[in-house]
C-alpha atoms as a PDB file:
ATOM      1  CA  UNK A   1     134.081  67.391 120.078  1.00  0.00           C
ATOM      2  CA  UNK A   2     133.456  70.179 117.540  1.00  0.00           C
ATOM      3  CA  UNK A   3     136.165  72.749 117.003  1.00  0.00           C
ATOM      4  CA  UNK A   4     135.869  76.291 118.339  1.00  0.00           C
ATOM      5  CA  UNK A   5     135.460  77.735 114.800  1.00  0.00           C
ATOM      6  CA  UNK A   6     132.624  75.270 114.076  1.00  0.00           C
ATOM      7  CA  UNK A   7     130.830  76.363 117.257  1.00  0.00           C
ATOM      8  CA  UNK A   8     131.308  80.047 116.367  1.00  0.00           C
ATOM      9  CA  UNK A   9     129.944  79.430 112.862  1.00  0.00           C
ATOM     10  CA  UNK A  10     126.894  77.632 114.278  1.00  0.00           C
ATOM     11  CA  UNK A  11     126.333  80.463 116.749  1.00  0.00           C
ATOM     12  CA  UNK A  12     126.611  83.101 114.000  1.00  0.00           C
ATOM     13  CA  UNK A  13     124.137  81.178 111.837  1.00  0.00           C
ATOM     14  CA  UNK A  14     121.679  80.882 114.744  1.00  0.00           C
ATOM     15  CA  UNK A  15     121.886  84.620 115.483  1.00  0.00           C
ATOM     16  CA  UNK A  16     121.429  85.480 111.798  1.00  0.00           C
ATOM     17  CA  UNK A  17     118.373  83.220 111.478  1.00  0.00           C
ATOM     18  CA  UNK A  18     116.855  84.636 114.667  1.00  0.00           C
ATOM     19  CA  UNK A  19     117.287  88.209 113.402  1.00  0.00           C
ATOM     20  CA  UNK A  20     115.854  87.485 109.941  1.00  0.00           C
ATOM     21  CA  UNK A  21     112.161  88.106 110.867  1.00  0.00           C
ATOM     22  CA  UNK A  22     113.094  91.571 112.174  1.00  0.00           C
ATOM     23  CA  UNK A  23     114.272  92.472 108.658  1.00  0.00           C
ATOM     24  CA  UNK A  24     110.987  91.538 107.012  1.00  0.00           C
ATOM     25  CA  UNK A  25     108.333  94.233 106.785  1.00  0.00           C
ATOM     26  CA  UNK A  26     104.744  93.027 106.952  1.00  0.00           C
ATOM     27  CA  UNK A  27     102.128  95.709 106.433  1.00  0.00           C
ATOM     28  CA  UNK A  28      98.459  95.212 105.645  1.00  0.00           C
ATOM     29  CA  UNK A  29      96.549  98.379 104.900  1.00  0.00           C
ATOM     30  CA  UNK A  30      92.930  98.556 103.881  1.00  0.00           C
ATOM     31  CA  UNK A  31      92.971 102.256 103.098  1.00  0.00           C
ATOM     32  CA  UNK A  32      95.407 105.137 102.618  1.00  0.00           C
ATOM     33  CA  UNK A  33      97.202 106.346 105.744  1.00  0.00           C
ATOM     34  CA  UNK A  34      96.468 109.957 106.601  1.00  0.00           C
ATOM     35  CA  UNK A  35      99.020 112.436 107.839  1.00  0.00           C
ATOM     36  CA  UNK A  36      99.441 111.894 111.570  1.00  0.00           C
ATOM     37  CA  UNK A  37      98.644 115.485 112.554  1.00  0.00           C
ATOM     38  CA  UNK A  38      95.174 115.241 110.954  1.00  0.00           C
ATOM     39  CA  UNK A  39      93.816 112.177 112.696  1.00  0.00           C
ATOM     40  CA  UNK A  40      93.222 110.691 116.102  1.00  0.00           C
ATOM     41  CA  UNK A  41      95.340 107.714 117.124  1.00  0.00           C
ATOM     42  CA  UNK A  42      93.931 104.562 115.534  1.00  0.00           C
ATOM     43  CA  UNK A  43      91.358 106.440 113.443  1.00  0.00           C
ATOM     44  CA  UNK A  44      90.964 105.655 109.738  1.00  0.00           C
ATOM     45  CA  UNK A  45      91.664 108.465 107.273  1.00  0.00           C
ATOM     46  CA  UNK A  46      88.982 111.094 106.627  1.00  0.00           C
ATOM     47  CA  UNK A  47      90.240 111.337 103.037  1.00  0.00           C
ATOM     48  CA  UNK A  48      89.435 107.671 102.420  1.00  0.00           C
ATOM     49  CA  UNK A  49      86.775 106.709  99.907  1.00  0.00           C
ATOM     50  CA  UNK A  50      84.765 103.555 100.370  1.00  0.00           C
ATOM     51  CA  UNK A  51      85.895 101.798  97.193  1.00  0.00           C
ATOM     52  CA  UNK A  52      82.981  99.329  97.211  1.00  0.00           C
ATOM     53  CA  UNK A  53      80.834  99.406  94.055  1.00  0.00           C
ATOM     54  CA  UNK A  54      77.233 100.395  94.927  1.00  0.00           C
ATOM     55  CA  UNK A  55      75.924  97.158  93.384  1.00  0.00           C
ATOM     56  CA  UNK A  56      77.932  95.163  95.924  1.00  0.00           C
ATOM     57  CA  UNK A  57      76.582  96.903  99.013  1.00  0.00           C
ATOM     58  CA  UNK A  58      74.183  94.890 101.184  1.00  0.00           C
ATOM     59  CA  UNK A  59      70.457  95.573 100.893  1.00  0.00           C
ATOM     60  CA  UNK A  60      68.992  97.965 103.471  1.00  0.00           C
ATOM     61  CA  UNK A  61      68.742  96.335 106.906  1.00  0.00           C
ATOM     62  CA  UNK A  62      71.464  93.755 106.180  1.00  0.00           C
ATOM     63  CA  UNK A  63      75.251  93.463 106.446  1.00  0.00           C
ATOM     64  CA  UNK A  64      78.009  92.132 104.253  1.00  0.00           C
ATOM     65  CA  UNK A  65      81.481  91.041 105.248  1.00  0.00           C
ATOM     66  CA  UNK A  66      84.098  92.785 103.095  1.00  0.00           C
ATOM     67  CA  UNK A  67      87.729  91.767 102.670  1.00  0.00           C
ATOM     68  CA  UNK A  68      89.721  94.862 101.588  1.00  0.00           C
ATOM     69  CA  UNK A  69      91.829  94.089  98.524  1.00  0.00           C
ATOM     70  CA  UNK A  70      89.658  91.168  97.406  1.00  0.00           C
ATOM     71  CA  UNK A  71      87.719  91.635  94.115  1.00  0.00           C
ATOM     72  CA  UNK A  72      84.030  92.553  94.585  1.00  0.00           C
ATOM     73  CA  UNK A  73      82.800  89.327  92.962  1.00  0.00           C
ATOM     74  CA  UNK A  74      84.786  87.247  95.464  1.00  0.00           C
ATOM     75  CA  UNK A  75      83.236  88.742  98.599  1.00  0.00           C
ATOM     76  CA  UNK A  76      80.779  86.845 100.840  1.00  0.00           C
ATOM     77  CA  UNK A  77      77.054  87.341 100.255  1.00  0.00           C
ATOM     78  CA  UNK A  78      74.958  89.707 102.428  1.00  0.00           C
ATOM     79  CA  UNK A  79      73.413  88.208 105.552  1.00  0.00           C
ATOM     80  CA  UNK A  80      71.768  89.275 108.829  1.00  0.00           C
ATOM     81  CA  UNK A  81      74.124  91.537 110.777  1.00  0.00           C
ATOM     82  CA  UNK A  82      74.228  89.287 113.856  1.00  0.00           C
ATOM     83  CA  UNK A  83      75.694  86.464 111.745  1.00  0.00           C
ATOM     84  CA  UNK A  84      78.154  88.683 109.884  1.00  0.00           C
ATOM     85  CA  UNK A  85      79.564  90.519 112.915  1.00  0.00           C
ATOM     86  CA  UNK A  86      79.922  87.399 115.064  1.00  0.00           C
ATOM     87  CA  UNK A  87      82.156  85.694 112.518  1.00  0.00           C
ATOM     88  CA  UNK A  88      84.010  88.730 111.139  1.00  0.00           C
ATOM     89  CA  UNK A  89      87.722  87.880 110.811  1.00  0.00           C
ATOM     90  CA  UNK A  90      90.430  90.331 111.827  1.00  0.00           C
ATOM     91  CA  UNK A  91      91.178  93.124 109.300  1.00  0.00           C
ATOM     92  CA  UNK A  92      87.793  92.919 107.597  1.00  0.00           C
ATOM     93  CA  UNK A  93      84.944  95.390 107.293  1.00  0.00           C
ATOM     94  CA  UNK A  94      81.285  94.842 108.117  1.00  0.00           C
ATOM     95  CA  UNK A  95      79.186  96.879 105.700  1.00  0.00           C
ATOM     96  CA  UNK A  96      75.756  97.843 107.047  1.00  0.00           C
ATOM     97  CA  UNK A  97      72.931  99.601 105.183  1.00  0.00           C
ATOM     98  CA  UNK A  98      70.461 101.141 107.630  1.00  0.00           C
ATOM     99  CA  UNK A  99      66.810 100.692 106.650  1.00  0.00           C
ATOM    100  CA  UNK A 100      65.946 104.250 107.705  1.00  0.00           C
ATOM    101  CA  UNK A 101      68.626 105.954 105.504  1.00  0.00           C
ATOM    102  CA  UNK A 102      69.330 104.121 102.252  1.00  0.00           C
ATOM    103  CA  UNK A 103      71.719 106.831 101.020  1.00  0.00           C
ATOM    104  CA  UNK A 104      74.537 105.803 103.375  1.00  0.00           C
ATOM    105  CA  UNK A 105      76.491 102.721 104.343  1.00  0.00           C
ATOM    106  CA  UNK A 106      78.113 102.189 107.734  1.00  0.00           C
ATOM    107  CA  UNK A 107      81.520 100.543 107.674  1.00  0.00           C
ATOM    108  CA  UNK A 108      82.480  98.735 110.859  1.00  0.00           C
ATOM    109  CA  UNK A 109      86.223  98.127 110.957  1.00  0.00           C
ATOM    110  CA  UNK A 110      87.262  94.878 112.654  1.00  0.00           C
ATOM    111  CA  UNK A 111      90.389  94.931 114.837  1.00  0.00           C
ATOM    112  CA  UNK A 112      93.593  94.019 113.002  1.00  0.00           C
ATOM    113  CA  UNK A 113      94.272  91.005 115.271  1.00  0.00           C
ATOM    114  CA  UNK A 114      91.014  90.262 117.120  1.00  0.00           C
ATOM    115  CA  UNK A 115      88.167  88.733 115.144  1.00  0.00           C
ATOM    116  CA  UNK A 116      84.687  90.100 115.807  1.00  0.00           C
ATOM    117  CA  UNK A 117      85.947  93.212 117.644  1.00  0.00           C
ATOM    118  CA  UNK A 118      84.689  96.417 116.001  1.00  0.00           C
ATOM    119  CA  UNK A 119      87.166  99.258 116.572  1.00  0.00           C
ATOM    120  CA  UNK A 120      85.790 102.049 114.393  1.00  0.00           C
ATOM    121  CA  UNK A 121      82.576 102.921 112.547  1.00  0.00           C
ATOM    122  CA  UNK A 122      82.480 105.306 109.590  1.00  0.00           C
ATOM    123  CA  UNK A 123      79.603 106.433 107.388  1.00  0.00           C
ATOM    124  CA  UNK A 124      79.983 106.785 103.609  1.00  0.00           C
ATOM    125  CA  UNK A 125      77.696 108.045 100.847  1.00  0.00           C
ATOM    126  CA  UNK A 126      76.346 105.127  98.782  1.00  0.00           C
ATOM    127  CA  UNK A 127      76.524 106.808  95.355  1.00  0.00           C
ATOM    128  CA  UNK A 128      79.850 108.635  95.556  1.00  0.00           C
ATOM    129  CA  UNK A 129      81.649 106.524  98.165  1.00  0.00           C
ATOM    130  CA  UNK A 130      82.671 109.744  99.914  1.00  0.00           C
ATOM    131  CA  UNK A 131      83.293 109.823 103.656  1.00  0.00           C
ATOM    132  CA  UNK A 132      80.377 111.483 105.503  1.00  0.00           C
ATOM    133  CA  UNK A 133      81.154 111.203 109.229  1.00  0.00           C
ATOM    134  CA  UNK A 134      82.436 109.040 112.051  1.00  0.00           C
ATOM    135  CA  UNK A 135      80.020 107.343 114.429  1.00  0.00           C
ATOM    136  CA  UNK A 136      80.908 107.943 118.048  1.00  0.00           C
ATOM    137  CA  UNK A 137      79.624 106.460 121.270  1.00  0.00           C
END
């Protein structure tokens, strides 16, 4: 039978190992965080710039899956929007260029944990990458 000090040491080790994940900080951010008083809960920053080179945007009428933080040359190729949105992994963007307005790109933000679930849509200027407006409704 193990001694009492051996049991206490095993218990202390178990508690320490169980608490270890609480000490680790895991944060994935695809854009700068705005000050809380200037944004709605869950809304991306209005100060954010697109950060996608114009040559890597999809052609008008198509979409492109975009992985924030991945180099532009390592992003998937443009495809029909139905295909891109259906398979969009969590924490990605779906870039859409409307055929009727080639000066803007719509960025559809995919939920941070639920693939294929669009949680926010923003519109950016193609040339400057500047934020234009949010899409509501």
